[in-house]
Amino acid sequence: MNDTGPDRALTPGDRAGALVLLAVVTVVAVAAIVLTRDFPPNTLPTDVGPARFPVLHAVVLIVLCAICAVETVRAPHAAALPPPPGARIRVALAVAAVAVAIAAMPHLGFPVTAALFLYAVIWLMGRRQILGNAVYAVAASAAIWLLFSWGLNVPLPVLELGAG
């Protein structure tokens, strides 16, 4: 299978954006390696220990980023197309939605804020199904909340009615 055809062609902006993103992920992976150097080593010969997992994952991530960067650089060039009408406004509104969600989280709690945020972002992405968007936003918010609160035992802010 060959994935270097015209459908894999990248515009200069897409190429630059992908390379910047890969560089940021690589820097985060290197930081993970550096910051976990002081983790305690394991004394059991049959156990990898907690110090090895972050390093192992970071090394794999760096290798995958390098492979993706090579593929990005080697991808054919495509002419830049103008953005669709209203794209810049939708991006600005999405950034504003993130800021509003961050500000609302302590007051409304995670489940309500995440559901409203997801609904708004899905709407901004062009999916105009009111009921379908609401169901997806509520389900995704609930799933994330359950995963963190129950599965990982990480408390997330919740709406407390009657709290003064």
N, C-alpha and C. Protein backbone atom coordinates (compact mmCIF):
# COMPACT_ATOMS: atom_id res chain seq x y z
N MET A 1 0.84 -1.17 0.00
CA MET A 1 0.00 0.00 0.00
C MET A 1 0.88 1.23 0.00
N ASN A 2 0.61 2.14 -0.88
CA ASN A 2 1.40 3.36 -1.01
C ASN A 2 0.58 4.55 -0.53
N ASP A 3 1.05 5.24 0.49
CA ASP A 3 0.30 6.39 1.00
C ASP A 3 1.00 7.71 0.68
N THR A 4 1.73 7.75 -0.41
CA THR A 4 2.41 8.99 -0.79
C THR A 4 1.75 9.62 -2.01
N GLY A 5 0.50 9.27 -2.29
CA GLY A 5 -0.22 9.82 -3.43
C GLY A 5 -0.68 11.24 -3.18
N PRO A 6 -1.48 11.78 -4.09
CA PRO A 6 -1.92 13.15 -3.96
C PRO A 6 -2.77 13.41 -2.73
N ASP A 7 -3.41 12.36 -2.20
CA ASP A 7 -4.21 12.57 -0.98
C ASP A 7 -3.33 12.76 0.25
N ARG A 8 -2.07 12.44 0.16
CA ARG A 8 -1.12 12.66 1.26
C ARG A 8 -0.31 13.94 1.06
N ALA A 9 -0.58 14.68 0.00
CA ALA A 9 0.16 15.92 -0.26
C ALA A 9 -0.15 16.93 0.83
N LEU A 10 0.88 17.67 1.24
CA LEU A 10 0.73 18.64 2.32
C LEU A 10 0.98 20.05 1.80
N THR A 11 0.19 20.97 2.30
CA THR A 11 0.45 22.38 2.01
C THR A 11 1.62 22.82 2.89
N PRO A 12 2.26 23.93 2.56
CA PRO A 12 3.36 24.40 3.41
C PRO A 12 2.91 24.66 4.85
N GLY A 13 1.72 25.19 5.04
CA GLY A 13 1.22 25.43 6.40
C GLY A 13 0.97 24.15 7.16
N ASP A 14 0.39 23.15 6.48
CA ASP A 14 0.15 21.86 7.13
C ASP A 14 1.46 21.19 7.51
N ARG A 15 2.44 21.28 6.61
CA ARG A 15 3.75 20.67 6.87
C ARG A 15 4.40 21.35 8.08
N ALA A 16 4.39 22.68 8.10
CA ALA A 16 5.00 23.41 9.21
C ALA A 16 4.27 23.12 10.52
N GLY A 17 2.94 23.09 10.47
CA GLY A 17 2.17 22.80 11.68
C GLY A 17 2.45 21.41 12.22
N ALA A 18 2.52 20.42 11.32
CA ALA A 18 2.81 19.06 11.76
C ALA A 18 4.20 18.96 12.37
N LEU A 19 5.17 19.61 11.76
CA LEU A 19 6.54 19.56 12.29
C LEU A 19 6.66 20.27 13.63
N VAL A 20 5.95 21.38 13.80
CA VAL A 20 5.97 22.08 15.09
C VAL A 20 5.33 21.21 16.16
N LEU A 21 4.20 20.59 15.84
CA LEU A 21 3.54 19.72 16.80
C LEU A 21 4.44 18.54 17.18
N LEU A 22 5.09 17.95 16.20
CA LEU A 22 6.01 16.84 16.48
C LEU A 22 7.18 17.30 17.34
N ALA A 23 7.67 18.50 17.09
CA ALA A 23 8.76 19.03 17.91
C ALA A 23 8.31 19.25 19.36
N VAL A 24 7.11 19.76 19.55
CA VAL A 24 6.60 19.97 20.91
C VAL A 24 6.43 18.64 21.64
N VAL A 25 5.88 17.65 20.97
CA VAL A 25 5.71 16.33 21.59
C VAL A 25 7.07 15.72 21.92
N THR A 26 8.04 15.90 21.05
CA THR A 26 9.39 15.39 21.31
C THR A 26 10.00 16.08 22.52
N VAL A 27 9.83 17.38 22.63
CA VAL A 27 10.36 18.12 23.78
C VAL A 27 9.71 17.63 25.08
N VAL A 28 8.41 17.38 25.05
CA VAL A 28 7.72 16.86 26.23
C VAL A 28 8.26 15.47 26.58
N ALA A 29 8.52 14.64 25.59
CA ALA A 29 9.07 13.31 25.85
C ALA A 29 10.48 13.39 26.44
N VAL A 30 11.29 14.28 25.91
CA VAL A 30 12.64 14.47 26.47
C VAL A 30 12.55 14.98 27.90
N ALA A 31 11.61 15.91 28.15
CA ALA A 31 11.42 16.42 29.51
C ALA A 31 11.01 15.30 30.45
N ALA A 32 10.19 14.37 29.98
CA ALA A 32 9.78 13.23 30.81
C ALA A 32 10.99 12.38 31.17
N ILE A 33 11.89 12.20 30.23
CA ILE A 33 13.10 11.42 30.52
C ILE A 33 13.96 12.14 31.55
N VAL A 34 14.14 13.43 31.36
CA VAL A 34 14.99 14.21 32.27
C VAL A 34 14.37 14.28 33.67
N LEU A 35 13.07 14.51 33.74
CA LEU A 35 12.43 14.69 35.04
C LEU A 35 12.24 13.39 35.81
N THR A 36 12.34 12.25 35.17
CA THR A 36 12.17 10.98 35.87
C THR A 36 13.51 10.29 36.17
N ARG A 37 14.60 11.00 35.97
CA ARG A 37 15.91 10.40 36.27
C ARG A 37 16.07 10.07 37.74
N ASP A 38 15.40 10.84 38.61
CA ASP A 38 15.56 10.63 40.04
C ASP A 38 14.54 9.66 40.63
N PHE A 39 13.73 9.02 39.80
CA PHE A 39 12.80 8.03 40.32
C PHE A 39 13.61 6.89 40.93
N PRO A 40 13.09 6.30 41.99
CA PRO A 40 13.86 5.23 42.64
C PRO A 40 13.97 4.00 41.74
N PRO A 41 15.17 3.43 41.67
CA PRO A 41 15.31 2.20 40.88
C PRO A 41 14.70 1.03 41.64
N ASN A 42 14.39 0.00 40.91
CA ASN A 42 13.82 -1.18 41.52
C ASN A 42 14.93 -2.14 41.90
N THR A 43 14.77 -2.75 43.05
CA THR A 43 15.81 -3.68 43.53
C THR A 43 15.50 -5.13 43.16
N LEU A 44 14.31 -5.40 42.66
CA LEU A 44 13.96 -6.77 42.28
C LEU A 44 14.45 -7.04 40.86
N PRO A 45 15.12 -8.16 40.63
CA PRO A 45 15.64 -8.43 39.29
C PRO A 45 14.55 -8.79 38.28
N THR A 46 13.37 -9.19 38.76
CA THR A 46 12.31 -9.58 37.83
C THR A 46 11.32 -8.47 37.53
N ASP A 47 11.47 -7.32 38.17
CA ASP A 47 10.53 -6.21 38.00
C ASP A 47 11.23 -5.05 37.30
N VAL A 48 10.53 -4.44 36.37
CA VAL A 48 11.10 -3.31 35.65
C VAL A 48 11.20 -2.10 36.55
N GLY A 49 10.23 -1.88 37.40
CA GLY A 49 10.26 -0.76 38.33
C GLY A 49 9.62 0.49 37.76
N PRO A 50 9.27 1.43 38.64
CA PRO A 50 8.56 2.63 38.20
C PRO A 50 9.43 3.60 37.40
N ALA A 51 10.72 3.51 37.53
CA ALA A 51 11.59 4.45 36.83
C ALA A 51 11.70 4.15 35.34
N ARG A 52 11.43 2.95 34.94
CA ARG A 52 11.62 2.57 33.55
C ARG A 52 10.44 2.92 32.65
N PHE A 53 9.22 2.90 33.18
CA PHE A 53 8.05 3.11 32.33
C PHE A 53 8.02 4.48 31.66
N PRO A 54 8.26 5.58 32.40
CA PRO A 54 8.26 6.88 31.71
C PRO A 54 9.34 6.97 30.65
N VAL A 55 10.49 6.41 30.94
CA VAL A 55 11.60 6.46 29.97
C VAL A 55 11.26 5.62 28.74
N LEU A 56 10.73 4.44 28.97
CA LEU A 56 10.36 3.56 27.86
C LEU A 56 9.31 4.24 26.96
N HIS A 57 8.27 4.77 27.57
CA HIS A 57 7.23 5.44 26.80
C HIS A 57 7.77 6.66 26.07
N ALA A 58 8.63 7.42 26.73
CA ALA A 58 9.19 8.61 26.10
C ALA A 58 10.08 8.25 24.91
N VAL A 59 10.87 7.21 25.05
CA VAL A 59 11.74 6.79 23.94
C VAL A 59 10.90 6.33 22.75
N VAL A 60 9.87 5.54 23.01
CA VAL A 60 8.98 5.11 21.93
C VAL A 60 8.32 6.32 21.27
N LEU A 61 7.89 7.27 22.07
CA LEU A 61 7.27 8.48 21.54
C LEU A 61 8.24 9.28 20.68
N ILE A 62 9.48 9.39 21.11
CA ILE A 62 10.49 10.11 20.33
C ILE A 62 10.74 9.41 19.00
N VAL A 63 10.84 8.09 19.02
CA VAL A 63 11.06 7.34 17.78
C VAL A 63 9.87 7.53 16.83
N LEU A 64 8.65 7.43 17.35
CA LEU A 64 7.47 7.62 16.51
C LEU A 64 7.40 9.04 15.95
N CYS A 65 7.77 10.02 16.74
CA CYS A 65 7.79 11.41 16.25
C CYS A 65 8.83 11.58 15.15
N ALA A 66 9.96 10.95 15.31
CA ALA A 66 11.00 11.04 14.27
C ALA A 66 10.53 10.40 12.98
N ILE A 67 9.88 9.24 13.08
CA ILE A 67 9.35 8.58 11.87
C ILE A 67 8.30 9.47 11.21
N CYS A 68 7.42 10.02 12.00
CA CYS A 68 6.37 10.88 11.46
C CYS A 68 6.96 12.15 10.84
N ALA A 69 8.02 12.69 11.44
CA ALA A 69 8.66 13.89 10.89
C ALA A 69 9.29 13.58 9.53
N VAL A 70 9.94 12.44 9.43
CA VAL A 70 10.54 12.05 8.14
C VAL A 70 9.45 11.90 7.08
N GLU A 71 8.36 11.24 7.43
CA GLU A 71 7.25 11.09 6.49
C GLU A 71 6.64 12.44 6.12
N THR A 72 6.56 13.34 7.07
CA THR A 72 6.01 14.68 6.80
C THR A 72 6.90 15.45 5.85
N VAL A 73 8.20 15.38 6.06
CA VAL A 73 9.14 16.08 5.18
C VAL A 73 9.12 15.47 3.78
N ARG A 74 8.98 14.16 3.68
CA ARG A 74 9.00 13.47 2.39
C ARG A 74 7.68 13.55 1.64
N ALA A 75 6.61 13.97 2.29
CA ALA A 75 5.29 14.00 1.64
C ALA A 75 5.30 15.00 0.48
N PRO A 76 4.56 14.71 -0.58
CA PRO A 76 4.52 15.62 -1.72
C PRO A 76 3.91 16.97 -1.33
N HIS A 77 4.30 17.98 -2.10
CA HIS A 77 3.81 19.33 -1.84
C HIS A 77 2.45 19.53 -2.50
N ALA A 78 1.61 20.31 -1.87
CA ALA A 78 0.31 20.65 -2.43
C ALA A 78 0.15 22.17 -2.36
N ALA A 79 -0.62 22.69 -3.27
CA ALA A 79 -0.89 24.12 -3.26
C ALA A 79 -1.78 24.45 -2.06
N ALA A 80 -1.50 25.57 -1.46
CA ALA A 80 -2.30 26.00 -0.32
C ALA A 80 -3.66 26.47 -0.81
N LEU A 81 -4.69 25.98 -0.16
CA LEU A 81 -6.04 26.40 -0.48
C LEU A 81 -6.48 27.45 0.52
N PRO A 82 -7.34 28.36 0.10
CA PRO A 82 -7.84 29.34 1.08
C PRO A 82 -8.71 28.63 2.11
N PRO A 83 -8.69 29.12 3.34
CA PRO A 83 -9.53 28.47 4.37
C PRO A 83 -11.00 28.64 4.02
N PRO A 84 -11.83 27.71 4.46
CA PRO A 84 -13.26 27.84 4.20
C PRO A 84 -13.81 29.11 4.86
N PRO A 85 -14.90 29.64 4.33
CA PRO A 85 -15.47 30.85 4.91
C PRO A 85 -15.83 30.66 6.38
N GLY A 86 -15.45 31.60 7.19
CA GLY A 86 -15.76 31.56 8.62
C GLY A 86 -14.83 30.71 9.45
N ALA A 87 -13.79 30.14 8.85
CA ALA A 87 -12.90 29.25 9.59
C ALA A 87 -12.17 29.98 10.72
N ARG A 88 -11.68 31.15 10.43
CA ARG A 88 -10.94 31.90 11.46
C ARG A 88 -11.85 32.29 12.62
N ILE A 89 -13.08 32.63 12.31
CA ILE A 89 -14.03 32.99 13.37
C ILE A 89 -14.34 31.77 14.23
N ARG A 90 -14.51 30.60 13.59
CA ARG A 90 -14.79 29.38 14.35
C ARG A 90 -13.61 29.01 15.24
N VAL A 91 -12.40 29.19 14.76
CA VAL A 91 -11.22 28.91 15.59
C VAL A 91 -11.17 29.87 16.78
N ALA A 92 -11.43 31.15 16.53
CA ALA A 92 -11.44 32.13 17.62
C ALA A 92 -12.53 31.80 18.64
N LEU A 93 -13.69 31.39 18.17
CA LEU A 93 -14.77 31.01 19.08
C LEU A 93 -14.42 29.76 19.88
N ALA A 94 -13.72 28.82 19.27
CA ALA A 94 -13.29 27.62 19.99
C ALA A 94 -12.29 27.97 21.09
N VAL A 95 -11.36 28.87 20.79
CA VAL A 95 -10.41 29.31 21.81
C VAL A 95 -11.15 30.03 22.94
N ALA A 96 -12.12 30.86 22.58
CA ALA A 96 -12.92 31.54 23.60
C ALA A 96 -13.71 30.53 24.43
N ALA A 97 -14.21 29.46 23.79
CA ALA A 97 -14.94 28.42 24.52
C ALA A 97 -14.05 27.73 25.54
N VAL A 98 -12.78 27.53 25.19
CA VAL A 98 -11.83 26.94 26.15
C VAL A 98 -11.67 27.86 27.35
N ALA A 99 -11.50 29.16 27.10
CA ALA A 99 -11.35 30.12 28.20
C ALA A 99 -12.59 30.16 29.08
N VAL A 100 -13.76 30.15 28.47
CA VAL A 100 -15.01 30.16 29.24
C VAL A 100 -15.14 28.88 30.04
N ALA A 101 -14.79 27.75 29.46
CA ALA A 101 -14.87 26.47 30.17
C ALA A 101 -13.93 26.45 31.37
N ILE A 102 -12.74 26.98 31.20
CA ILE A 102 -11.79 27.03 32.33
C ILE A 102 -12.34 27.91 33.44
N ALA A 103 -12.94 29.04 33.07
CA ALA A 103 -13.50 29.94 34.08
C ALA A 103 -14.73 29.35 34.75
N ALA A 104 -15.52 28.58 34.01
CA ALA A 104 -16.77 28.03 34.55
C ALA A 104 -16.57 26.76 35.36
N MET A 105 -15.47 26.06 35.14
CA MET A 105 -15.26 24.76 35.78
C MET A 105 -15.40 24.79 37.31
N PRO A 106 -14.80 25.76 38.03
CA PRO A 106 -14.96 25.74 39.49
C PRO A 106 -16.40 25.97 39.95
N HIS A 107 -17.20 26.64 39.13
CA HIS A 107 -18.56 26.99 39.53
C HIS A 107 -19.58 25.94 39.10
N LEU A 108 -19.42 25.40 37.90
CA LEU A 108 -20.38 24.44 37.36
C LEU A 108 -19.95 23.00 37.53
N GLY A 109 -18.69 22.77 37.83
CA GLY A 109 -18.18 21.41 37.95
C GLY A 109 -17.79 20.85 36.60
N PHE A 110 -17.07 19.74 36.62
CA PHE A 110 -16.58 19.16 35.38
C PHE A 110 -17.68 18.62 34.48
N PRO A 111 -18.60 17.80 34.98
CA PRO A 111 -19.57 17.19 34.05
C PRO A 111 -20.39 18.22 33.27
N VAL A 112 -20.89 19.23 33.95
CA VAL A 112 -21.72 20.24 33.27
C VAL A 112 -20.87 21.07 32.32
N THR A 113 -19.72 21.53 32.79
CA THR A 113 -18.85 22.36 31.95
C THR A 113 -18.38 21.59 30.73
N ALA A 114 -17.95 20.35 30.92
CA ALA A 114 -17.45 19.56 29.79
C ALA A 114 -18.56 19.28 28.78
N ALA A 115 -19.76 19.00 29.25
CA ALA A 115 -20.87 18.75 28.33
C ALA A 115 -21.19 20.00 27.51
N LEU A 116 -21.26 21.15 28.17
CA LEU A 116 -21.52 22.40 27.43
C LEU A 116 -20.39 22.72 26.46
N PHE A 117 -19.15 22.52 26.91
CA PHE A 117 -18.00 22.79 26.05
C PHE A 117 -18.00 21.87 24.83
N LEU A 118 -18.20 20.58 25.06
CA LEU A 118 -18.21 19.63 23.94
C LEU A 118 -19.34 19.94 22.97
N TYR A 119 -20.51 20.30 23.49
CA TYR A 119 -21.61 20.66 22.61
C TYR A 119 -21.24 21.86 21.74
N ALA A 120 -20.64 22.88 22.35
CA ALA A 120 -20.26 24.08 21.60
C ALA A 120 -19.21 23.77 20.54
N VAL A 121 -18.22 22.97 20.88
CA VAL A 121 -17.16 22.67 19.92
C VAL A 121 -17.68 21.79 18.79
N ILE A 122 -18.54 20.85 19.11
CA ILE A 122 -19.13 20.02 18.05
C ILE A 122 -19.95 20.90 17.10
N TRP A 123 -20.69 21.84 17.65
CA TRP A 123 -21.48 22.77 16.83
C TRP A 123 -20.55 23.61 15.95
N LEU A 124 -19.45 24.10 16.53
CA LEU A 124 -18.50 24.91 15.76
C LEU A 124 -17.84 24.11 14.65
N MET A 125 -17.71 22.81 14.83
CA MET A 125 -17.09 21.97 13.81
C MET A 125 -18.04 21.69 12.65
N GLY A 126 -19.29 22.12 12.78
CA GLY A 126 -20.21 22.02 11.66
C GLY A 126 -21.28 20.95 11.78
N ARG A 127 -21.28 20.22 12.86
CA ARG A 127 -22.32 19.20 13.04
C ARG A 127 -23.52 19.88 13.68
N ARG A 128 -24.62 19.98 12.96
CA ARG A 128 -25.77 20.77 13.40
C ARG A 128 -26.95 19.91 13.82
N GLN A 129 -26.69 18.83 14.52
CA GLN A 129 -27.76 17.97 15.02
C GLN A 129 -27.93 18.22 16.51
N ILE A 130 -28.96 18.95 16.86
CA ILE A 130 -29.13 19.41 18.24
C ILE A 130 -29.18 18.23 19.22
N LEU A 131 -30.05 17.29 18.98
CA LEU A 131 -30.19 16.16 19.91
C LEU A 131 -28.97 15.25 19.89
N GLY A 132 -28.47 14.94 18.69
CA GLY A 132 -27.29 14.08 18.59
C GLY A 132 -26.07 14.69 19.25
N ASN A 133 -25.86 15.98 19.05
CA ASN A 133 -24.74 16.67 19.70
C ASN A 133 -24.87 16.63 21.21
N ALA A 134 -26.11 16.86 21.70
CA ALA A 134 -26.33 16.87 23.15
C ALA A 134 -26.07 15.49 23.75
N VAL A 135 -26.55 14.46 23.08
CA VAL A 135 -26.35 13.09 23.59
C VAL A 135 -24.86 12.76 23.62
N TYR A 136 -24.17 13.08 22.53
CA TYR A 136 -22.74 12.79 22.48
C TYR A 136 -21.99 13.58 23.56
N ALA A 137 -22.30 14.86 23.72
CA ALA A 137 -21.60 15.70 24.70
C ALA A 137 -21.82 15.20 26.12
N VAL A 138 -23.06 14.85 26.45
CA VAL A 138 -23.35 14.35 27.80
C VAL A 138 -22.69 12.99 28.02
N ALA A 139 -22.76 12.11 27.04
CA ALA A 139 -22.16 10.78 27.18
C ALA A 139 -20.64 10.87 27.32
N ALA A 140 -20.01 11.69 26.50
CA ALA A 140 -18.56 11.83 26.58
C ALA A 140 -18.14 12.46 27.90
N SER A 141 -18.87 13.47 28.34
CA SER A 141 -18.56 14.11 29.62
C SER A 141 -18.71 13.12 30.77
N ALA A 142 -19.79 12.35 30.75
CA ALA A 142 -20.00 11.36 31.81
C ALA A 142 -18.93 10.28 31.78
N ALA A 143 -18.56 9.84 30.60
CA ALA A 143 -17.54 8.79 30.49
C ALA A 143 -16.19 9.29 31.01
N ILE A 144 -15.83 10.52 30.67
CA ILE A 144 -14.56 11.07 31.15
C ILE A 144 -14.61 11.24 32.67
N TRP A 145 -15.73 11.74 33.18
CA TRP A 145 -15.85 11.93 34.62
C TRP A 145 -15.76 10.59 35.36
N LEU A 146 -16.46 9.57 34.85
CA LEU A 146 -16.40 8.26 35.48
C LEU A 146 -15.00 7.67 35.43
N LEU A 147 -14.34 7.83 34.29
CA LEU A 147 -12.97 7.32 34.16
C LEU A 147 -12.05 7.93 35.20
N PHE A 148 -12.09 9.26 35.32
CA PHE A 148 -11.19 9.92 36.27
C PHE A 148 -11.63 9.73 37.71
N SER A 149 -12.91 9.92 38.00
CA SER A 149 -13.38 9.87 39.39
C SER A 149 -13.37 8.46 39.96
N TRP A 150 -13.85 7.49 39.21
CA TRP A 150 -13.94 6.13 39.72
C TRP A 150 -12.78 5.27 39.26
N GLY A 151 -12.47 5.32 37.99
CA GLY A 151 -11.42 4.45 37.47
C GLY A 151 -10.03 4.82 37.94
N LEU A 152 -9.70 6.11 37.91
CA LEU A 152 -8.36 6.55 38.29
C LEU A 152 -8.32 7.17 39.69
N ASN A 153 -9.49 7.32 40.31
CA ASN A 153 -9.60 7.90 41.64
C ASN A 153 -9.01 9.31 41.71
N VAL A 154 -9.25 10.09 40.65
CA VAL A 154 -8.81 11.48 40.59
C VAL A 154 -10.05 12.35 40.71
N PRO A 155 -10.16 13.12 41.79
CA PRO A 155 -11.36 13.92 41.95
C PRO A 155 -11.42 15.07 40.94
N LEU A 156 -12.60 15.24 40.34
CA LEU A 156 -12.85 16.36 39.44
C LEU A 156 -13.90 17.25 40.08
N PRO A 157 -13.88 18.55 39.79
CA PRO A 157 -14.88 19.42 40.40
C PRO A 157 -16.30 19.05 39.96
N VAL A 158 -17.23 19.12 40.89
CA VAL A 158 -18.62 18.83 40.60
C VAL A 158 -19.48 20.01 41.00
N LEU A 159 -20.66 20.13 40.43
CA LEU A 159 -21.61 21.16 40.77
C LEU A 159 -22.22 20.85 42.13
N GLU A 160 -22.08 21.78 43.04
CA GLU A 160 -22.65 21.59 44.36
C GLU A 160 -23.80 22.58 44.52
N LEU A 161 -25.02 22.07 44.43
CA LEU A 161 -26.18 22.92 44.57
C LEU A 161 -26.35 23.30 46.03
N GLY A 162 -26.66 24.56 46.27
CA GLY A 162 -26.89 25.02 47.63
C GLY A 162 -25.62 25.43 48.35
N ALA A 163 -24.46 25.24 47.72
CA ALA A 163 -23.20 25.64 48.36
C ALA A 163 -23.08 27.15 48.21
N GLY A 164 -22.73 27.81 49.27
CA GLY A 164 -22.80 29.24 49.28
C GLY A 164 -21.68 30.01 48.89
